[in-house]
C-alpha atoms as a PDB file:
ATOM      1  CA  UNK A   1      -0.029   0.025  -0.011  1.00  0.00           C
ATOM      2  CA  UNK A   2       1.541   3.336  -0.991  1.00  0.00           C
ATOM      3  CA  UNK A   3       2.288   5.984   1.654  1.00  0.00           C
ATOM      4  CA  UNK A   4      -0.336   8.727   1.875  1.00  0.00           C
ATOM      5  CA  UNK A   5       0.340  12.083   0.143  1.00  0.00           C
ATOM      6  CA  UNK A   6       2.452  14.504   2.250  1.00  0.00           C
ATOM      7  CA  UNK A   7       0.145  17.421   2.899  1.00  0.00           C
ATOM      8  CA  UNK A   8       1.756  20.882   2.681  1.00  0.00           C
ATOM      9  CA  UNK A   9       0.065  24.257   3.068  1.00  0.00           C
ATOM     10  CA  UNK A  10       1.427  27.440   1.720  1.00  0.00           C
ATOM     11  CA  UNK A  11       0.936  31.102   1.231  1.00  0.00           C
ATOM     12  CA  UNK A  12      -0.864  31.534  -2.134  1.00  0.00           C
ATOM     13  CA  UNK A  13       1.816  33.740  -3.693  1.00  0.00           C
ATOM     14  CA  UNK A  14       4.571  31.168  -3.226  1.00  0.00           C
ATOM     15  CA  UNK A  15       2.963  28.105  -4.827  1.00  0.00           C
ATOM     16  CA  UNK A  16       3.610  28.841  -8.557  1.00  0.00           C
ATOM     17  CA  UNK A  17       6.935  30.725  -8.573  1.00  0.00           C
ATOM     18  CA  UNK A  18       8.736  28.941  -5.757  1.00  0.00           C
ATOM     19  CA  UNK A  19       7.149  25.632  -4.454  1.00  0.00           C
ATOM     20  CA  UNK A  20       6.324  23.908  -7.740  1.00  0.00           C
ATOM     21  CA  UNK A  21       9.744  24.585  -9.291  1.00  0.00           C
ATOM     22  CA  UNK A  22      11.381  23.563  -6.026  1.00  0.00           C
ATOM     23  CA  UNK A  23       9.638  20.185  -6.107  1.00  0.00           C
ATOM     24  CA  UNK A  24      10.198  19.414  -9.788  1.00  0.00           C
ATOM     25  CA  UNK A  25      13.641  17.742  -9.371  1.00  0.00           C
ATOM     26  CA  UNK A  26      12.734  16.111  -6.112  1.00  0.00           C
ATOM     27  CA  UNK A  27       9.586  14.424  -7.427  1.00  0.00           C
ATOM     28  CA  UNK A  28      11.326  13.393 -10.559  1.00  0.00           C
ATOM     29  CA  UNK A  29      13.936  11.602  -8.547  1.00  0.00           C
ATOM     30  CA  UNK A  30      11.348  10.135  -6.170  1.00  0.00           C
ATOM     31  CA  UNK A  31       8.450   8.764  -8.317  1.00  0.00           C
ATOM     32  CA  UNK A  32       6.866   7.208  -5.266  1.00  0.00           C
ATOM     33  CA  UNK A  33       6.590  10.470  -3.332  1.00  0.00           C
ATOM     34  CA  UNK A  34       3.184  12.104  -3.361  1.00  0.00           C
ATOM     35  CA  UNK A  35       2.846  15.646  -2.191  1.00  0.00           C
ATOM     36  CA  UNK A  36      -0.420  17.602  -1.754  1.00  0.00           C
ATOM     37  CA  UNK A  37      -0.165  21.429  -1.815  1.00  0.00           C
ATOM     38  CA  UNK A  38      -3.053  23.249  -0.194  1.00  0.00           C
ATOM     39  CA  UNK A  39      -3.722  26.984  -0.046  1.00  0.00           C
ATOM     40  CA  UNK A  40      -6.052  28.821   2.313  1.00  0.00           C
ATOM     41  CA  UNK A  41      -6.264  32.302   3.672  1.00  0.00           C
ATOM     42  CA  UNK A  42      -7.142  30.725   6.991  1.00  0.00           C
ATOM     43  CA  UNK A  43      -4.346  29.471   9.285  1.00  0.00           C
ATOM     44  CA  UNK A  44      -4.157  25.703   8.919  1.00  0.00           C
ATOM     45  CA  UNK A  45      -4.370  23.818  12.271  1.00  0.00           C
ATOM     46  CA  UNK A  46      -1.011  21.964  12.468  1.00  0.00           C
ATOM     47  CA  UNK A  47      -2.026  20.310  15.697  1.00  0.00           C
ATOM     48  CA  UNK A  48      -4.720  18.313  13.951  1.00  0.00           C
ATOM     49  CA  UNK A  49      -2.143  17.287  11.364  1.00  0.00           C
ATOM     50  CA  UNK A  50      -4.030  19.102   8.611  1.00  0.00           C
ATOM     51  CA  UNK A  51      -0.598  19.592   7.154  1.00  0.00           C
ATOM     52  CA  UNK A  52       2.914  18.097   7.816  1.00  0.00           C
ATOM     53  CA  UNK A  53       4.602  21.164   6.477  1.00  0.00           C
ATOM     54  CA  UNK A  54       3.442  24.777   6.351  1.00  0.00           C
ATOM     55  CA  UNK A  55       4.802  27.970   4.797  1.00  0.00           C
ATOM     56  CA  UNK A  56       3.146  30.825   6.696  1.00  0.00           C
ATOM     57  CA  UNK A  57       3.640  34.429   7.763  1.00  0.00           C
ATOM     58  CA  UNK A  58       2.147  34.099  11.250  1.00  0.00           C
ATOM     59  CA  UNK A  59       4.152  32.550  14.016  1.00  0.00           C
ATOM     60  CA  UNK A  60       2.395  29.562  15.744  1.00  0.00           C
ATOM     61  CA  UNK A  61       1.421  30.523  19.321  1.00  0.00           C
ATOM     62  CA  UNK A  62       1.535  27.048  20.757  1.00  0.00           C
ATOM     63  CA  UNK A  63       2.172  23.318  20.068  1.00  0.00           C
ATOM     64  CA  UNK A  64       5.151  21.001  19.606  1.00  0.00           C
ATOM     65  CA  UNK A  65       6.259  22.551  16.346  1.00  0.00           C
ATOM     66  CA  UNK A  66       9.559  23.439  14.754  1.00  0.00           C
ATOM     67  CA  UNK A  67       9.827  26.740  13.021  1.00  0.00           C
ATOM     68  CA  UNK A  68      12.464  28.345  10.828  1.00  0.00           C
ATOM     69  CA  UNK A  69      12.361  31.780   9.143  1.00  0.00           C
ATOM     70  CA  UNK A  70      13.477  31.387   5.533  1.00  0.00           C
ATOM     71  CA  UNK A  71      13.105  34.922   4.228  1.00  0.00           C
ATOM     72  CA  UNK A  72      11.217  38.151   4.538  1.00  0.00           C
ATOM     73  CA  UNK A  73       8.491  39.142   2.171  1.00  0.00           C
ATOM     74  CA  UNK A  74       8.320  42.846   1.336  1.00  0.00           C
ATOM     75  CA  UNK A  75       5.095  44.673   0.381  1.00  0.00           C
ATOM     76  CA  UNK A  76       4.243  47.963  -1.149  1.00  0.00           C
ATOM     77  CA  UNK A  77       1.297  50.002  -2.305  1.00  0.00           C
ATOM     78  CA  UNK A  78       0.818  49.463  -6.061  1.00  0.00           C
ATOM     79  CA  UNK A  79      -1.157  51.123  -8.767  1.00  0.00           C
ATOM     80  CA  UNK A  80      -1.743  50.533 -12.506  1.00  0.00           C
ATOM     81  CA  UNK A  81       1.236  50.447 -14.873  1.00  0.00           C
ATOM     82  CA  UNK A  82       0.129  53.720 -16.531  1.00  0.00           C
ATOM     83  CA  UNK A  83       0.988  55.728 -13.483  1.00  0.00           C
ATOM     84  CA  UNK A  84      -2.589  56.701 -12.490  1.00  0.00           C
ATOM     85  CA  UNK A  85      -3.726  56.512  -8.880  1.00  0.00           C
ATOM     86  CA  UNK A  86      -7.384  55.371  -8.696  1.00  0.00           C
ATOM     87  CA  UNK A  87      -9.320  56.341  -5.653  1.00  0.00           C
ATOM     88  CA  UNK A  88     -10.658  52.842  -5.120  1.00  0.00           C
ATOM     89  CA  UNK A  89      -8.934  50.351  -2.809  1.00  0.00           C
ATOM     90  CA  UNK A  90      -8.476  46.665  -3.757  1.00  0.00           C
ATOM     91  CA  UNK A  91      -8.402  44.577  -0.568  1.00  0.00           C
ATOM     92  CA  UNK A  92      -8.813  41.237   1.050  1.00  0.00           C
ATOM     93  CA  UNK A  93     -12.108  40.387   2.812  1.00  0.00           C
ATOM     94  CA  UNK A  94     -12.176  40.709   6.603  1.00  0.00           C
ATOM     95  CA  UNK A  95     -10.375  37.710   8.225  1.00  0.00           C
ATOM     96  CA  UNK A  96      -8.348  37.325  11.266  1.00  0.00           C
ATOM     97  CA  UNK A  97      -5.468  35.745   9.480  1.00  0.00           C
ATOM     98  CA  UNK A  98      -5.259  38.740   7.086  1.00  0.00           C
ATOM     99  CA  UNK A  99      -5.339  41.418   9.866  1.00  0.00           C
ATOM    100  CA  UNK A 100      -1.874  42.911   9.072  1.00  0.00           C
ATOM    101  CA  UNK A 101      -2.550  43.268   5.341  1.00  0.00           C
ATOM    102  CA  UNK A 102      -5.933  44.842   6.068  1.00  0.00           C
ATOM    103  CA  UNK A 103      -4.358  47.280   8.503  1.00  0.00           C
ATOM    104  CA  UNK A 104      -1.747  48.297   5.980  1.00  0.00           C
ATOM    105  CA  UNK A 105      -4.372  48.737   3.253  1.00  0.00           C
ATOM    106  CA  UNK A 106      -6.488  50.919   5.637  1.00  0.00           C
ATOM    107  CA  UNK A 107      -3.377  53.102   6.354  1.00  0.00           C
ATOM    108  CA  UNK A 108      -3.444  54.268   2.649  1.00  0.00           C
ATOM    109  CA  UNK A 109      -7.208  54.451   2.171  1.00  0.00           C
ATOM    110  CA  UNK A 110      -9.180  57.708   2.219  1.00  0.00           C
ATOM    111  CA  UNK A 111     -11.911  57.713   4.907  1.00  0.00           C
ATOM    112  CA  UNK A 112     -14.723  56.898   2.433  1.00  0.00           C
ATOM    113  CA  UNK A 113     -12.708  55.359  -0.354  1.00  0.00           C
ATOM    114  CA  UNK A 114     -14.785  52.813  -2.403  1.00  0.00           C
ATOM    115  CA  UNK A 115     -13.487  49.257  -2.254  1.00  0.00           C
ATOM    116  CA  UNK A 116     -13.235  46.082  -4.372  1.00  0.00           C
ATOM    117  CA  UNK A 117     -12.793  43.039  -2.155  1.00  0.00           C
ATOM    118  CA  UNK A 118     -11.168  40.072  -3.767  1.00  0.00           C
ATOM    119  CA  UNK A 119     -10.130  36.844  -1.992  1.00  0.00           C
ATOM    120  CA  UNK A 120      -7.436  35.815  -4.464  1.00  0.00           C
ATOM    121  CA  UNK A 121      -4.037  37.397  -5.106  1.00  0.00           C
ATOM    122  CA  UNK A 122      -4.265  37.052  -8.889  1.00  0.00           C
ATOM    123  CA  UNK A 123      -7.622  38.729  -8.777  1.00  0.00           C
ATOM    124  CA  UNK A 124      -6.181  41.705  -6.806  1.00  0.00           C
ATOM    125  CA  UNK A 125      -3.317  41.981  -9.218  1.00  0.00           C
ATOM    126  CA  UNK A 126      -5.614  42.025 -12.270  1.00  0.00           C
ATOM    127  CA  UNK A 127      -7.883  44.605 -10.638  1.00  0.00           C
ATOM    128  CA  UNK A 128      -4.889  46.928 -10.164  1.00  0.00           C
ATOM    129  CA  UNK A 129      -3.619  46.226 -13.645  1.00  0.00           C
ATOM    130  CA  UNK A 130      -6.893  47.166 -15.163  1.00  0.00           C
ATOM    131  CA  UNK A 131      -6.948  50.478 -13.320  1.00  0.00           C
ATOM    132  CA  UNK A 132      -9.780  49.556 -10.870  1.00  0.00           C
ATOM    133  CA  UNK A 133      -7.807  50.543  -7.750  1.00  0.00           C
ATOM    134  CA  UNK A 134      -4.632  50.458  -5.640  1.00  0.00           C
ATOM    135  CA  UNK A 135      -3.572  47.593  -3.462  1.00  0.00           C
ATOM    136  CA  UNK A 136      -0.953  46.502  -0.957  1.00  0.00           C
ATOM    137  CA  UNK A 137       0.800  43.582  -2.721  1.00  0.00           C
ATOM    138  CA  UNK A 138       4.073  41.621  -2.319  1.00  0.00           C
ATOM    139  CA  UNK A 139       6.842  43.274  -4.271  1.00  0.00           C
ATOM    140  CA  UNK A 140       7.718  40.261  -6.346  1.00  0.00           C
ATOM    141  CA  UNK A 141       4.189  39.658  -7.397  1.00  0.00           C
ATOM    142  CA  UNK A 142       3.553  43.289  -8.412  1.00  0.00           C
ATOM    143  CA  UNK A 143       6.967  43.534 -10.110  1.00  0.00           C
ATOM    144  CA  UNK A 144       6.208  40.514 -12.355  1.00  0.00           C
ATOM    145  CA  UNK A 145       2.799  42.105 -13.239  1.00  0.00           C
ATOM    146  CA  UNK A 146       4.679  45.423 -14.107  1.00  0.00           C
ATOM    147  CA  UNK A 147       2.525  47.353 -11.670  1.00  0.00           C
ATOM    148  CA  UNK A 148       3.653  50.830 -10.473  1.00  0.00           C
ATOM    149  CA  UNK A 149       5.133  51.161  -6.943  1.00  0.00           C
ATOM    150  CA  UNK A 150       3.469  54.138  -5.160  1.00  0.00           C
ATOM    151  CA  UNK A 151       4.841  53.580  -1.677  1.00  0.00           C
ATOM    152  CA  UNK A 152       7.175  51.048  -0.174  1.00  0.00           C
ATOM    153  CA  UNK A 153       6.597  52.236   3.489  1.00  0.00           C
ATOM    154  CA  UNK A 154       3.526  53.074   5.553  1.00  0.00           C
ATOM    155  CA  UNK A 155       2.601  56.724   5.939  1.00  0.00           C
ATOM    156  CA  UNK A 156       4.373  56.638   9.330  1.00  0.00           C
ATOM    157  CA  UNK A 157       7.594  55.370   7.756  1.00  0.00           C
ATOM    158  CA  UNK A 158       7.461  51.702   8.825  1.00  0.00           C
ATOM    159  CA  UNK A 159       8.364  49.065   6.309  1.00  0.00           C
ATOM    160  CA  UNK A 160       5.762  46.520   5.207  1.00  0.00           C
ATOM    161  CA  UNK A 161       7.369  43.167   5.814  1.00  0.00           C
ATOM    162  CA  UNK A 162       6.298  39.748   6.871  1.00  0.00           C
ATOM    163  CA  UNK A 163       8.405  36.637   7.741  1.00  0.00           C
ATOM    164  CA  UNK A 164       8.181  33.544   5.598  1.00  0.00           C
ATOM    165  CA  UNK A 165       8.203  30.708   8.131  1.00  0.00           C
ATOM    166  CA  UNK A 166       8.635  26.998   7.518  1.00  0.00           C
ATOM    167  CA  UNK A 167       6.699  25.101  10.224  1.00  0.00           C
ATOM    168  CA  UNK A 168       6.899  21.364  10.810  1.00  0.00           C
ATOM    169  CA  UNK A 169       5.762  18.944  13.496  1.00  0.00           C
ATOM    170  CA  UNK A 170       8.612  18.248  15.940  1.00  0.00           C
ATOM    171  CA  UNK A 171       7.701  14.575  15.892  1.00  0.00           C
ATOM    172  CA  UNK A 172       8.240  14.446  12.129  1.00  0.00           C
ATOM    173  CA  UNK A 173      11.760  15.737  12.319  1.00  0.00           C
ATOM    174  CA  UNK A 174      13.234  12.343  11.531  1.00  0.00           C
ATOM    175  CA  UNK A 175      10.925  11.682   8.538  1.00  0.00           C
ATOM    176  CA  UNK A 176      12.975  11.511   5.372  1.00  0.00           C
ATOM    177  CA  UNK A 177       9.795  12.350   3.247  1.00  0.00           C
ATOM    178  CA  UNK A 178       9.100  15.517   5.210  1.00  0.00           C
ATOM    179  CA  UNK A 179      12.807  16.424   5.447  1.00  0.00           C
ATOM    180  CA  UNK A 180      13.327  16.112   1.710  1.00  0.00           C
ATOM    181  CA  UNK A 181      10.358  18.295   0.805  1.00  0.00           C
ATOM    182  CA  UNK A 182      11.285  20.804   3.466  1.00  0.00           C
ATOM    183  CA  UNK A 183      14.802  21.037   2.226  1.00  0.00           C
ATOM    184  CA  UNK A 184      13.852  21.407  -1.423  1.00  0.00           C
ATOM    185  CA  UNK A 185      11.371  24.221  -0.720  1.00  0.00           C
ATOM    186  CA  UNK A 186      13.701  25.969   1.812  1.00  0.00           C
ATOM    187  CA  UNK A 187      16.663  26.029  -0.625  1.00  0.00           C
ATOM    188  CA  UNK A 188      14.512  27.659  -3.353  1.00  0.00           C
ATOM    189  CA  UNK A 189      13.080  30.326  -1.061  1.00  0.00           C
ATOM    190  CA  UNK A 190      16.475  31.088   0.532  1.00  0.00           C
ATOM    191  CA  UNK A 191      18.034  31.400  -2.883  1.00  0.00           C
ATOM    192  CA  UNK A 192      15.533  34.006  -3.798  1.00  0.00           C
ATOM    193  CA  UNK A 193      15.521  35.993  -0.499  1.00  0.00           C
ATOM    194  CA  UNK A 194      16.507  39.225  -2.146  1.00  0.00           C
ATOM    195  CA  UNK A 195      13.760  39.045  -4.791  1.00  0.00           C
ATOM    196  CA  UNK A 196      11.170  38.330  -2.112  1.00  0.00           C
ATOM    197  CA  UNK A 197      12.223  41.285   0.094  1.00  0.00           C
ATOM    198  CA  UNK A 198      12.973  44.196  -2.358  1.00  0.00           C
ATOM    199  CA  UNK A 199      10.829  46.247  -4.600  1.00  0.00           C
END
């Protein structure tokens, strides 16, 4: 009976440019290794073993977990490529796990600014690209979409940064399956630390 797929949860923006390429060689060399990549804006419960590995920006508050910071993700306020600055704000829906991003967005919004709420990152990028509004986005995502950087700091001068954390169960530390996937993903993210952090 084959081993069950190794469940891994990730920040949406990291799946296509980082995780999938990082796993390509590993999976090619290990045809019996199944990996399941899951994305959710909600924080996955590691204690229930909803995932064996997690890439997240929020530090776990409790549990027998191992955590390693791989990089820092930088954010900025971005507008359409043509240089205009629409009055509308493109934002995430209200959710506890998105509190920091919502706070940053609010810092740039006029008191009664209209909003477009989108619960996917590609949807937000397209909304900005089409001139619907402005949005707080990861630098590397906005750069690839050729969006225009309007501000790389909050109005008070603070930088907009979040840690990229690799979280695993301490009791899986000896697992070769978990270790090999964690190593492949970690190496790719660490290799691209600068691209993740800078505008």
